Amino acid sequence: MHSEPEIRQALREWILGKARDLDPAELTGTTPLFERRYLRSLHVPELLLLLERLRGEPIDVEDLGAGDFRDIDTLLAKFGPARAAS
């Protein structure tokens, strides 16, 4: 399992690789990823696999909600190391 700063950095790099029109300076923890169309629904499966790898445990897709993918801060709150430890 990776630490929260490591997960945050990995997510940031992954998002910037997918959202080519996103200025890195504009990507913050609260930047709406899907609302602003930096990411699309086709990115969700790959994002879930990345999160599973980073946190070191599977994600139960039955517990997913649309709001879980709003921004980096929300992703960390839902899928970060603190969540994995509980």
PDB file of N, CA and C in Angstrom:
ATOM      1  N   MET A   1       0.854  -1.185   0.000  1.00  0.00           N
ATOM      2  CA  MET A   1       0.000   0.000   0.000  1.00  0.00           C
ATOM      3  C   MET A   1       0.891   1.235   0.000  1.00  0.00           C
ATOM      4  N   HIS A   2       0.488   2.231  -0.738  1.00  0.00           N
ATOM      5  CA  HIS A   2       1.218   3.480  -0.840  1.00  0.00           C
ATOM      6  C   HIS A   2       0.646   4.505   0.138  1.00  0.00           C
ATOM      7  N   SER A   3       1.440   5.492   0.474  1.00  0.00           N
ATOM      8  CA  SER A   3       0.989   6.575   1.351  1.00  0.00           C
ATOM      9  C   SER A   3       0.082   7.527   0.572  1.00  0.00           C
ATOM     10  N   GLU A   4      -0.629   8.380   1.299  1.00  0.00           N
ATOM     11  CA  GLU A   4      -1.520   9.339   0.648  1.00  0.00           C
ATOM     12  C   GLU A   4      -0.766  10.261  -0.315  1.00  0.00           C
ATOM     13  N   PRO A   5       0.389  10.829   0.066  1.00  0.00           N
ATOM     14  CA  PRO A   5       1.099  11.665  -0.913  1.00  0.00           C
ATOM     15  C   PRO A   5       1.524  10.895  -2.167  1.00  0.00           C
ATOM     16  N   GLU A   6       1.895   9.643  -2.017  1.00  0.00           N
ATOM     17  CA  GLU A   6       2.277   8.831  -3.179  1.00  0.00           C
ATOM     18  C   GLU A   6       1.074   8.569  -4.078  1.00  0.00           C
ATOM     19  N   ILE A   7      -0.064   8.264  -3.464  1.00  0.00           N
ATOM     20  CA  ILE A   7      -1.289   8.028  -4.236  1.00  0.00           C
ATOM     21  C   ILE A   7      -1.711   9.313  -4.938  1.00  0.00           C
ATOM     22  N   ARG A   8      -1.663  10.437  -4.225  1.00  0.00           N
ATOM     23  CA  ARG A   8      -2.029  11.732  -4.815  1.00  0.00           C
ATOM     24  C   ARG A   8      -1.151  12.024  -6.046  1.00  0.00           C
ATOM     25  N   GLN A   9       0.138  11.822  -5.912  1.00  0.00           N
ATOM     26  CA  GLN A   9       1.058  12.096  -7.024  1.00  0.00           C
ATOM     27  C   GLN A   9       0.796  11.159  -8.201  1.00  0.00           C
ATOM     28  N   ALA A  10       0.577   9.881  -7.920  1.00  0.00           N
ATOM     29  CA  ALA A  10       0.296   8.917  -8.986  1.00  0.00           C
ATOM     30  C   ALA A  10      -1.003   9.272  -9.709  1.00  0.00           C
ATOM     31  N   LEU A  11      -2.039   9.666  -8.963  1.00  0.00           N
ATOM     32  CA  LEU A  11      -3.298  10.073  -9.582  1.00  0.00           C
ATOM     33  C   LEU A  11      -3.096  11.311 -10.438  1.00  0.00           C
ATOM     34  N   ARG A  12      -2.379  12.260  -9.909  1.00  0.00           N
ATOM     35  CA  ARG A  12      -2.110  13.493 -10.647  1.00  0.00           C
ATOM     36  C   ARG A  12      -1.409  13.199 -11.975  1.00  0.00           C
ATOM     37  N   GLU A  13      -0.381  12.376 -11.937  1.00  0.00           N
ATOM     38  CA  GLU A  13       0.355  12.031 -13.159  1.00  0.00           C
ATOM     39  C   GLU A  13      -0.538  11.287 -14.143  1.00  0.00           C
ATOM     40  N   TRP A  14      -1.351  10.360 -13.631  1.00  0.00           N
ATOM     41  CA  TRP A  14      -2.239   9.587 -14.500  1.00  0.00           C
ATOM     42  C   TRP A  14      -3.263  10.510 -15.170  1.00  0.00           C
ATOM     43  N   ILE A  15      -3.863  11.399 -14.376  1.00  0.00           N
ATOM     44  CA  ILE A  15      -4.873  12.321 -14.903  1.00  0.00           C
ATOM     45  C   ILE A  15      -4.262  13.226 -15.969  1.00  0.00           C
ATOM     46  N   LEU A  16      -3.095  13.766 -15.691  1.00  0.00           N
ATOM     47  CA  LEU A  16      -2.447  14.648 -16.666  1.00  0.00           C
ATOM     48  C   LEU A  16      -2.098  13.899 -17.953  1.00  0.00           C
ATOM     49  N   GLY A  17      -1.825  12.614 -17.845  1.00  0.00           N
ATOM     50  CA  GLY A  17      -1.566  11.812 -19.034  1.00  0.00           C
ATOM     51  C   GLY A  17      -2.808  11.585 -19.872  1.00  0.00           C
ATOM     52  N   LYS A  18      -3.961  11.560 -19.240  1.00  0.00           N
ATOM     53  CA  LYS A  18      -5.228  11.348 -19.956  1.00  0.00           C
ATOM     54  C   LYS A  18      -5.835  12.658 -20.439  1.00  0.00           C
ATOM     55  N   ALA A  19      -5.712  13.710 -19.645  1.00  0.00           N
ATOM     56  CA  ALA A  19      -6.341  15.003 -19.941  1.00  0.00           C
ATOM     57  C   ALA A  19      -5.304  15.932 -20.550  1.00  0.00           C
ATOM     58  N   ARG A  20      -5.018  15.735 -21.802  1.00  0.00           N
ATOM     59  CA  ARG A  20      -3.952  16.475 -22.468  1.00  0.00           C
ATOM     60  C   ARG A  20      -4.206  17.987 -22.517  1.00  0.00           C
ATOM     61  N   ASP A  21      -5.464  18.409 -22.464  1.00  0.00           N
ATOM     62  CA  ASP A  21      -5.782  19.833 -22.529  1.00  0.00           C
ATOM     63  C   ASP A  21      -5.801  20.496 -21.154  1.00  0.00           C
ATOM     64  N   LEU A  22      -5.441  19.762 -20.107  1.00  0.00           N
ATOM     65  CA  LEU A  22      -5.445  20.293 -18.749  1.00  0.00           C
ATOM     66  C   LEU A  22      -4.061  20.821 -18.404  1.00  0.00           C
ATOM     67  N   ASP A  23      -3.998  22.102 -18.069  1.00  0.00           N
ATOM     68  CA  ASP A  23      -2.745  22.720 -17.633  1.00  0.00           C
ATOM     69  C   ASP A  23      -2.396  22.140 -16.259  1.00  0.00           C
ATOM     70  N   PRO A  24      -1.195  21.584 -16.083  1.00  0.00           N
ATOM     71  CA  PRO A  24      -0.816  21.002 -14.796  1.00  0.00           C
ATOM     72  C   PRO A  24      -0.989  21.958 -13.619  1.00  0.00           C
ATOM     73  N   ALA A  25      -0.810  23.247 -13.849  1.00  0.00           N
ATOM     74  CA  ALA A  25      -0.974  24.232 -12.781  1.00  0.00           C
ATOM     75  C   ALA A  25      -2.427  24.351 -12.336  1.00  0.00           C
ATOM     76  N   GLU A  26      -3.356  23.963 -13.191  1.00  0.00           N
ATOM     77  CA  GLU A  26      -4.784  24.055 -12.869  1.00  0.00           C
ATOM     78  C   GLU A  26      -5.325  22.805 -12.183  1.00  0.00           C
ATOM     79  N   LEU A  27      -4.538  21.747 -12.132  1.00  0.00           N
ATOM     80  CA  LEU A  27      -4.999  20.505 -11.502  1.00  0.00           C
ATOM     81  C   LEU A  27      -4.719  20.565 -10.008  1.00  0.00           C
ATOM     82  N   THR A  28      -5.782  20.755  -9.247  1.00  0.00           N
ATOM     83  CA  THR A  28      -5.692  20.778  -7.791  1.00  0.00           C
ATOM     84  C   THR A  28      -6.467  19.589  -7.236  1.00  0.00           C
ATOM     85  N   GLY A  29      -6.511  19.477  -5.941  1.00  0.00           N
ATOM     86  CA  GLY A  29      -7.266  18.403  -5.317  1.00  0.00           C
ATOM     87  C   GLY A  29      -8.757  18.497  -5.534  1.00  0.00           C
ATOM     88  N   THR A  30      -9.241  19.687  -5.878  1.00  0.00           N
ATOM     89  CA  THR A  30     -10.685  19.887  -6.042  1.00  0.00           C
ATOM     90  C   THR A  30     -11.106  20.184  -7.482  1.00  0.00           C
ATOM     91  N   THR A  31     -10.210  20.003  -8.431  1.00  0.00           N
ATOM     92  CA  THR A  31     -10.567  20.201  -9.838  1.00  0.00           C
ATOM     93  C   THR A  31     -11.570  19.134 -10.261  1.00  0.00           C
ATOM     94  N   PRO A  32     -12.777  19.535 -10.710  1.00  0.00           N
ATOM     95  CA  PRO A  32     -13.772  18.554 -11.148  1.00  0.00           C
ATOM     96  C   PRO A  32     -13.305  17.818 -12.407  1.00  0.00           C
ATOM     97  N   LEU A  33     -13.046  16.538 -12.270  1.00  0.00           N
ATOM     98  CA  LEU A  33     -12.425  15.775 -13.345  1.00  0.00           C
ATOM     99  C   LEU A  33     -13.389  15.389 -14.459  1.00  0.00           C
ATOM    100  N   PHE A  34     -14.567  14.921 -14.097  1.00  0.00           N
ATOM    101  CA  PHE A  34     -15.540  14.489 -15.102  1.00  0.00           C
ATOM    102  C   PHE A  34     -16.462  15.637 -15.496  1.00  0.00           C
ATOM    103  N   GLU A  35     -16.791  16.485 -14.548  1.00  0.00           N
ATOM    104  CA  GLU A  35     -17.663  17.621 -14.830  1.00  0.00           C
ATOM    105  C   GLU A  35     -17.061  18.534 -15.896  1.00  0.00           C
ATOM    106  N   ARG A  36     -15.761  18.726 -15.840  1.00  0.00           N
ATOM    107  CA  ARG A  36     -15.077  19.562 -16.838  1.00  0.00           C
ATOM    108  C   ARG A  36     -14.579  18.747 -18.028  1.00  0.00           C
ATOM    109  N   ARG A  37     -14.915  17.480 -18.032  1.00  0.00           N
ATOM    110  CA  ARG A  37     -14.599  16.568 -19.136  1.00  0.00           C
ATOM    111  C   ARG A  37     -13.095  16.356 -19.364  1.00  0.00           C
ATOM    112  N   TYR A  38     -12.322  16.461 -18.287  1.00  0.00           N
ATOM    113  CA  TYR A  38     -10.907  16.082 -18.380  1.00  0.00           C
ATOM    114  C   TYR A  38     -10.798  14.565 -18.471  1.00  0.00           C
ATOM    115  N   LEU A  39     -11.714  13.881 -17.792  1.00  0.00           N
ATOM    116  CA  LEU A  39     -11.824  12.430 -17.878  1.00  0.00           C
ATOM    117  C   LEU A  39     -13.222  12.092 -18.365  1.00  0.00           C
ATOM    118  N   ARG A  40     -13.344  10.904 -18.983  1.00  0.00           N
ATOM    119  CA  ARG A  40     -14.644  10.439 -19.464  1.00  0.00           C
ATOM    120  C   ARG A  40     -14.931   9.073 -18.850  1.00  0.00           C
ATOM    121  N   SER A  41     -16.132   8.606 -19.019  1.00  0.00           N
ATOM    122  CA  SER A  41     -16.538   7.335 -18.421  1.00  0.00           C
ATOM    123  C   SER A  41     -15.652   6.179 -18.870  1.00  0.00           C
ATOM    124  N   LEU A  42     -15.099   6.254 -20.060  1.00  0.00           N
ATOM    125  CA  LEU A  42     -14.243   5.161 -20.520  1.00  0.00           C
ATOM    126  C   LEU A  42     -12.949   5.072 -19.706  1.00  0.00           C
ATOM    127  N   HIS A  43     -12.608   6.109 -18.949  1.00  0.00           N
ATOM    128  CA  HIS A  43     -11.416   6.099 -18.101  1.00  0.00           C
ATOM    129  C   HIS A  43     -11.653   5.402 -16.753  1.00  0.00           C
ATOM    130  N   VAL A  44     -12.903   5.212 -16.367  1.00  0.00           N
ATOM    131  CA  VAL A  44     -13.212   4.673 -15.040  1.00  0.00           C
ATOM    132  C   VAL A  44     -12.598   3.295 -14.793  1.00  0.00           C
ATOM    133  N   PRO A  45     -12.722   2.320 -15.689  1.00  0.00           N
ATOM    134  CA  PRO A  45     -12.117   1.010 -15.403  1.00  0.00           C
ATOM    135  C   PRO A  45     -10.604   1.083 -15.165  1.00  0.00           C
ATOM    136  N   GLU A  46      -9.914   1.847 -15.983  1.00  0.00           N
ATOM    137  CA  GLU A  46      -8.466   1.987 -15.810  1.00  0.00           C
ATOM    138  C   GLU A  46      -8.141   2.709 -14.496  1.00  0.00           C
ATOM    139  N   LEU A  47      -8.936   3.710 -14.155  1.00  0.00           N
ATOM    140  CA  LEU A  47      -8.754   4.435 -12.902  1.00  0.00           C
ATOM    141  C   LEU A  47      -8.963   3.511 -11.707  1.00  0.00           C
ATOM    142  N   LEU A  48      -9.977   2.667 -11.771  1.00  0.00           N
ATOM    143  CA  LEU A  48     -10.222   1.707 -10.688  1.00  0.00           C
ATOM    144  C   LEU A  48      -9.061   0.731 -10.529  1.00  0.00           C
ATOM    145  N   LEU A  49      -8.526   0.246 -11.623  1.00  0.00           N
ATOM    146  CA  LEU A  49      -7.367  -0.664 -11.552  1.00  0.00           C
ATOM    147  C   LEU A  49      -6.156   0.037 -10.942  1.00  0.00           C
ATOM    148  N   LEU A  50      -5.938   1.287 -11.318  1.00  0.00           N
ATOM    149  CA  LEU A  50      -4.839   2.062 -10.740  1.00  0.00           C
ATOM    150  C   LEU A  50      -5.033   2.222  -9.236  1.00  0.00           C
ATOM    151  N   LEU A  51      -6.226   2.579  -8.819  1.00  0.00           N
ATOM    152  CA  LEU A  51      -6.507   2.765  -7.394  1.00  0.00           C
ATOM    153  C   LEU A  51      -6.330   1.469  -6.612  1.00  0.00           C
ATOM    154  N   GLU A  52      -6.784   0.362  -7.177  1.00  0.00           N
ATOM    155  CA  GLU A  52      -6.603  -0.932  -6.512  1.00  0.00           C
ATOM    156  C   GLU A  52      -5.116  -1.243  -6.324  1.00  0.00           C
ATOM    157  N   ARG A  53      -4.348  -0.976  -7.340  1.00  0.00           N
ATOM    158  CA  ARG A  53      -2.904  -1.234  -7.251  1.00  0.00           C
ATOM    159  C   ARG A  53      -2.253  -0.331  -6.209  1.00  0.00           C
ATOM    160  N   LEU A  54      -2.614   0.935  -6.209  1.00  0.00           N
ATOM    161  CA  LEU A  54      -2.001   1.895  -5.294  1.00  0.00           C
ATOM    162  C   LEU A  54      -2.364   1.634  -3.838  1.00  0.00           C
ATOM    163  N   ARG A  55      -3.599   1.246  -3.580  1.00  0.00           N
ATOM    164  CA  ARG A  55      -4.025   1.037  -2.197  1.00  0.00           C
ATOM    165  C   ARG A  55      -3.767  -0.377  -1.710  1.00  0.00           C
ATOM    166  N   GLY A  56      -3.484  -1.290  -2.633  1.00  0.00           N
ATOM    167  CA  GLY A  56      -3.112  -2.641  -2.245  1.00  0.00           C
ATOM    168  C   GLY A  56      -4.267  -3.540  -1.877  1.00  0.00           C
ATOM    169  N   GLU A  57      -5.461  -3.203  -2.311  1.00  0.00           N
ATOM    170  CA  GLU A  57      -6.617  -4.084  -2.098  1.00  0.00           C
ATOM    171  C   GLU A  57      -7.702  -3.785  -3.114  1.00  0.00           C
ATOM    172  N   PRO A  58      -8.557  -4.762  -3.381  1.00  0.00           N
ATOM    173  CA  PRO A  58      -9.607  -4.572  -4.399  1.00  0.00           C
ATOM    174  C   PRO A  58     -10.656  -3.556  -3.957  1.00  0.00           C
ATOM    175  N   ILE A  59     -11.323  -3.005  -4.932  1.00  0.00           N
ATOM    176  CA  ILE A  59     -12.430  -2.076  -4.705  1.00  0.00           C
ATOM    177  C   ILE A  59     -13.716  -2.808  -5.039  1.00  0.00           C
ATOM    178  N   ASP A  60     -14.665  -2.761  -4.118  1.00  0.00           N
ATOM    179  CA  ASP A  60     -15.965  -3.384  -4.336  1.00  0.00           C
ATOM    180  C   ASP A  60     -16.810  -2.453  -5.198  1.00  0.00           C
ATOM    181  N   VAL A  61     -17.028  -2.833  -6.443  1.00  0.00           N
ATOM    182  CA  VAL A  61     -17.767  -1.969  -7.367  1.00  0.00           C
ATOM    183  C   VAL A  61     -19.220  -1.761  -6.949  1.00  0.00           C
ATOM    184  N   GLU A  62     -19.724  -2.607  -6.093  1.00  0.00           N
ATOM    185  CA  GLU A  62     -21.104  -2.440  -5.602  1.00  0.00           C
ATOM    186  C   GLU A  62     -21.231  -1.208  -4.707  1.00  0.00           C
ATOM    187  N   ASP A  63     -20.100  -0.760  -4.140  1.00  0.00           N
ATOM    188  CA  ASP A  63     -20.102   0.399  -3.246  1.00  0.00           C
ATOM    189  C   ASP A  63     -19.808   1.717  -3.957  1.00  0.00           C
ATOM    190  N   LEU A  64     -19.693   1.682  -5.269  1.00  0.00           N
ATOM    191  CA  LEU A  64     -19.326   2.888  -6.009  1.00  0.00           C
ATOM    192  C   LEU A  64     -20.528   3.783  -6.271  1.00  0.00           C
ATOM    193  N   GLY A  65     -20.264   5.076  -6.226  1.00  0.00           N
ATOM    194  CA  GLY A  65     -21.266   6.068  -6.574  1.00  0.00           C
ATOM    195  C   GLY A  65     -20.663   7.073  -7.531  1.00  0.00           C
ATOM    196  N   ALA A  66     -21.485   7.762  -8.272  1.00  0.00           N
ATOM    197  CA  ALA A  66     -20.992   8.718  -9.271  1.00  0.00           C
ATOM    198  C   ALA A  66     -20.118   9.790  -8.639  1.00  0.00           C
ATOM    199  N   GLY A  67     -20.451  10.241  -7.472  1.00  0.00           N
ATOM    200  CA  GLY A  67     -19.695  11.291  -6.802  1.00  0.00           C
ATOM    201  C   GLY A  67     -18.325  10.854  -6.306  1.00  0.00           C
ATOM    202  N   ASP A  68     -18.060   9.555  -6.294  1.00  0.00           N
ATOM    203  CA  ASP A  68     -16.777   9.035  -5.806  1.00  0.00           C
ATOM    204  C   ASP A  68     -15.596   9.447  -6.681  1.00  0.00           C
ATOM    205  N   PHE A  69     -15.860   9.917  -7.867  1.00  0.00           N
ATOM    206  CA  PHE A  69     -14.813  10.233  -8.839  1.00  0.00           C
ATOM    207  C   PHE A  69     -14.737  11.720  -9.156  1.00  0.00           C
ATOM    208  N   ARG A  70     -15.323  12.549  -8.322  1.00  0.00           N
ATOM    209  CA  ARG A  70     -15.416  13.988  -8.581  1.00  0.00           C
ATOM    210  C   ARG A  70     -14.061  14.649  -8.792  1.00  0.00           C
ATOM    211  N   ASP A  71     -13.129  14.423  -7.869  1.00  0.00           N
ATOM    212  CA  ASP A  71     -11.828  15.084  -7.909  1.00  0.00           C
ATOM    213  C   ASP A  71     -10.809  14.241  -7.147  1.00  0.00           C
ATOM    214  N   ILE A  72      -9.567  14.676  -7.121  1.00  0.00           N
ATOM    215  CA  ILE A  72      -8.517  13.908  -6.462  1.00  0.00           C
ATOM    216  C   ILE A  72      -8.784  13.785  -4.962  1.00  0.00           C
ATOM    217  N   ASP A  73      -9.224  14.856  -4.316  1.00  0.00           N
ATOM    218  CA  ASP A  73      -9.502  14.793  -2.877  1.00  0.00           C
ATOM    219  C   ASP A  73     -10.579  13.762  -2.564  1.00  0.00           C
ATOM    220  N   THR A  74     -11.613  13.715  -3.386  1.00  0.00           N
ATOM    221  CA  THR A  74     -12.694  12.744  -3.190  1.00  0.00           C
ATOM    222  C   THR A  74     -12.187  11.322  -3.421  1.00  0.00           C
ATOM    223  N   LEU A  75     -11.376  11.125  -4.440  1.00  0.00           N
ATOM    224  CA  LEU A  75     -10.794   9.804  -4.693  1.00  0.00           C
ATOM    225  C   LEU A  75      -9.962   9.338  -3.500  1.00  0.00           C
ATOM    226  N   LEU A  76      -9.176  10.238  -2.931  1.00  0.00           N
ATOM    227  CA  LEU A  76      -8.359   9.868  -1.768  1.00  0.00           C
ATOM    228  C   LEU A  76      -9.209   9.566  -0.543  1.00  0.00           C
ATOM    229  N   ALA A  77     -10.267  10.334  -0.345  1.00  0.00           N
ATOM    230  CA  ALA A  77     -11.149  10.101   0.794  1.00  0.00           C
ATOM    231  C   ALA A  77     -11.834   8.736   0.684  1.00  0.00           C
ATOM    232  N   LYS A  78     -12.227   8.368  -0.507  1.00  0.00           N
ATOM    233  CA  LYS A  78     -12.942   7.114  -0.723  1.00  0.00           C
ATOM    234  C   LYS A  78     -11.995   5.918  -0.846  1.00  0.00           C
ATOM    235  N   PHE A  79     -10.880   6.089  -1.543  1.00  0.00           N
ATOM    236  CA  PHE A  79     -10.043   4.947  -1.896  1.00  0.00           C
ATOM    237  C   PHE A  79      -8.604   5.031  -1.377  1.00  0.00           C
ATOM    238  N   GLY A  80      -8.290   6.034  -0.594  1.00  0.00           N
ATOM    239  CA  GLY A  80      -6.919   6.208  -0.117  1.00  0.00           C
ATOM    240  C   GLY A  80      -6.542   5.238   0.979  1.00  0.00           C
ATOM    241  N   PRO A  81      -5.329   5.356   1.505  1.00  0.00           N
ATOM    242  CA  PRO A  81      -4.807   4.408   2.495  1.00  0.00           C
ATOM    243  C   PRO A  81      -5.612   4.369   3.785  1.00  0.00           C
ATOM    244  N   ALA A  82      -6.192   5.496   4.208  1.00  0.00           N
ATOM    245  CA  ALA A  82      -6.982   5.483   5.447  1.00  0.00           C
ATOM    246  C   ALA A  82      -8.214   4.606   5.283  1.00  0.00           C
ATOM    247  N   ARG A  83      -8.841   4.691   4.119  1.00  0.00           N
ATOM    248  CA  ARG A  83     -10.012   3.860   3.821  1.00  0.00           C
ATOM    249  C   ARG A  83      -9.627   2.378   3.775  1.00  0.00           C
ATOM    250  N   ALA A  84      -8.470   2.083   3.191  1.00  0.00           N
ATOM    251  CA  ALA A  84      -8.016   0.707   3.054  1.00  0.00           C
ATOM    252  C   ALA A  84      -7.696   0.091   4.412  1.00  0.00           C
ATOM    253  N   ALA A  85      -7.281   0.916   5.382  1.00  0.00           N
ATOM    254  CA  ALA A  85      -6.916   0.400   6.692  1.00  0.00           C
ATOM    255  C   ALA A  85      -8.130   0.103   7.553  1.00  0.00           C
ATOM    256  N   SER A  86      -9.287   0.630   7.212  1.00  0.00           N
ATOM    257  CA  SER A  86     -10.472   0.433   8.037  1.00  0.00           C
ATOM    258  C   SER A  86     -11.160  -0.887   7.786  1.00  0.00           C
TER     259      SER A  86
END
